[in-house]
């Protein structure tokens, strides 16, 4: 089991097979380790994730995330994600 990687807002990480961008890092939270945005079929999705010891995974099973474009605070991170993938 690998130690949880240090992450910071704006950093790119792997979420499953997807590239994601960290938006917020939680400290002492039951909401997971950080909040990310990633693209699913071209749609920006925001979701809380946790470190499993091997990879980043959904913090709460069954959570499908939200459409990140509906939150103005996530827009800068969506822009970073789209720029890095273009």
Protein backbone atom coordinates (compact mmCIF):
# COMPACT_ATOMS: atom_id res chain seq x y z
CA UNK A 1 0.00 0.00 0.00
CA UNK A 2 1.50 3.32 -1.11
CA UNK A 3 1.40 6.46 1.01
CA UNK A 4 -1.17 9.02 -0.09
CA UNK A 5 0.41 11.35 -2.63
CA UNK A 6 0.68 15.05 -1.78
CA UNK A 7 -1.73 16.98 -3.98
CA UNK A 8 -2.58 20.63 -4.38
CA UNK A 9 -5.24 22.65 -6.23
CA UNK A 10 -4.60 22.82 -9.95
CA UNK A 11 -2.54 19.62 -9.98
CA UNK A 12 -3.29 16.89 -12.49
CA UNK A 13 -3.93 13.35 -11.16
CA UNK A 14 -5.15 10.03 -12.57
CA UNK A 15 -8.70 9.03 -11.63
CA UNK A 16 -9.27 5.57 -13.02
CA UNK A 17 -8.37 5.92 -16.68
CA UNK A 18 -9.16 9.63 -16.71
CA UNK A 19 -7.03 12.71 -16.19
CA UNK A 20 -8.43 14.92 -13.43
CA UNK A 21 -7.55 18.25 -11.82
CA UNK A 22 -7.57 18.75 -8.05
CA UNK A 23 -9.86 21.61 -6.95
CA UNK A 24 -9.80 21.39 -3.17
CA UNK A 25 -7.78 19.34 -0.68
CA UNK A 26 -9.61 18.26 2.46
CA UNK A 27 -7.94 17.97 5.85
CA UNK A 28 -9.47 15.71 8.48
CA UNK A 29 -12.64 15.24 6.46
CA UNK A 30 -15.15 12.44 6.04
CA UNK A 31 -15.78 13.81 2.53
CA UNK A 32 -12.66 12.15 1.15
CA UNK A 33 -9.16 13.43 0.50
CA UNK A 34 -9.83 15.94 -2.26
CA UNK A 35 -12.37 17.27 -4.72
CA UNK A 36 -11.59 16.89 -8.42
CA UNK A 37 -12.96 17.61 -11.86
CA UNK A 38 -12.62 15.24 -14.80
CA UNK A 39 -14.24 14.82 -18.20
CA UNK A 40 -16.80 12.12 -18.88
CA UNK A 41 -17.86 12.05 -22.54
CA UNK A 42 -16.82 15.70 -22.81
CA UNK A 43 -18.86 16.81 -19.77
CA UNK A 44 -16.96 18.21 -16.77
CA UNK A 45 -17.82 16.27 -13.60
CA UNK A 46 -16.90 17.27 -10.04
CA UNK A 47 -16.60 14.64 -7.31
CA UNK A 48 -14.91 13.91 -3.97
CA UNK A 49 -12.25 11.20 -4.09
CA UNK A 50 -10.09 9.29 -1.62
CA UNK A 51 -6.74 7.55 -1.82
CA UNK A 52 -7.17 3.75 -1.60
CA UNK A 53 -3.49 2.97 -1.12
CA UNK A 54 -3.12 2.28 -4.85
CA UNK A 55 -5.22 4.83 -6.67
CA UNK A 56 -7.79 7.62 -6.40
CA UNK A 57 -11.38 6.35 -6.08
CA UNK A 58 -14.83 7.80 -5.42
CA UNK A 59 -15.06 8.84 -1.77
CA UNK A 60 -18.68 7.70 -1.38
CA UNK A 61 -19.84 4.67 -3.36
CA UNK A 62 -22.82 5.52 -5.52
CA UNK A 63 -21.83 9.19 -5.81
CA UNK A 64 -22.03 10.13 -9.49
CA UNK A 65 -20.69 13.65 -9.02
CA UNK A 66 -22.14 16.91 -10.27
CA UNK A 67 -21.97 18.82 -13.53
CA UNK A 68 -18.98 21.01 -12.73
CA UNK A 69 -20.08 23.73 -15.14
CA UNK A 70 -22.94 24.56 -12.74
CA UNK A 71 -20.48 25.80 -10.08
CA UNK A 72 -18.56 28.99 -10.72
CA UNK A 73 -15.87 28.03 -8.15
CA UNK A 74 -14.99 24.96 -10.27
CA UNK A 75 -14.79 26.81 -13.60
CA UNK A 76 -11.07 27.72 -13.28
CA UNK A 77 -10.22 24.05 -12.68
CA UNK A 78 -12.37 22.91 -15.61
CA UNK A 79 -10.48 25.44 -17.76
CA UNK A 80 -7.13 23.98 -16.57
CA UNK A 81 -8.38 20.47 -17.36
CA UNK A 82 -9.59 21.37 -20.85
CA UNK A 83 -6.37 23.28 -21.66
CA UNK A 84 -4.19 20.38 -20.60
CA UNK A 85 -6.17 17.92 -22.69
CA UNK A 86 -6.27 20.00 -25.87
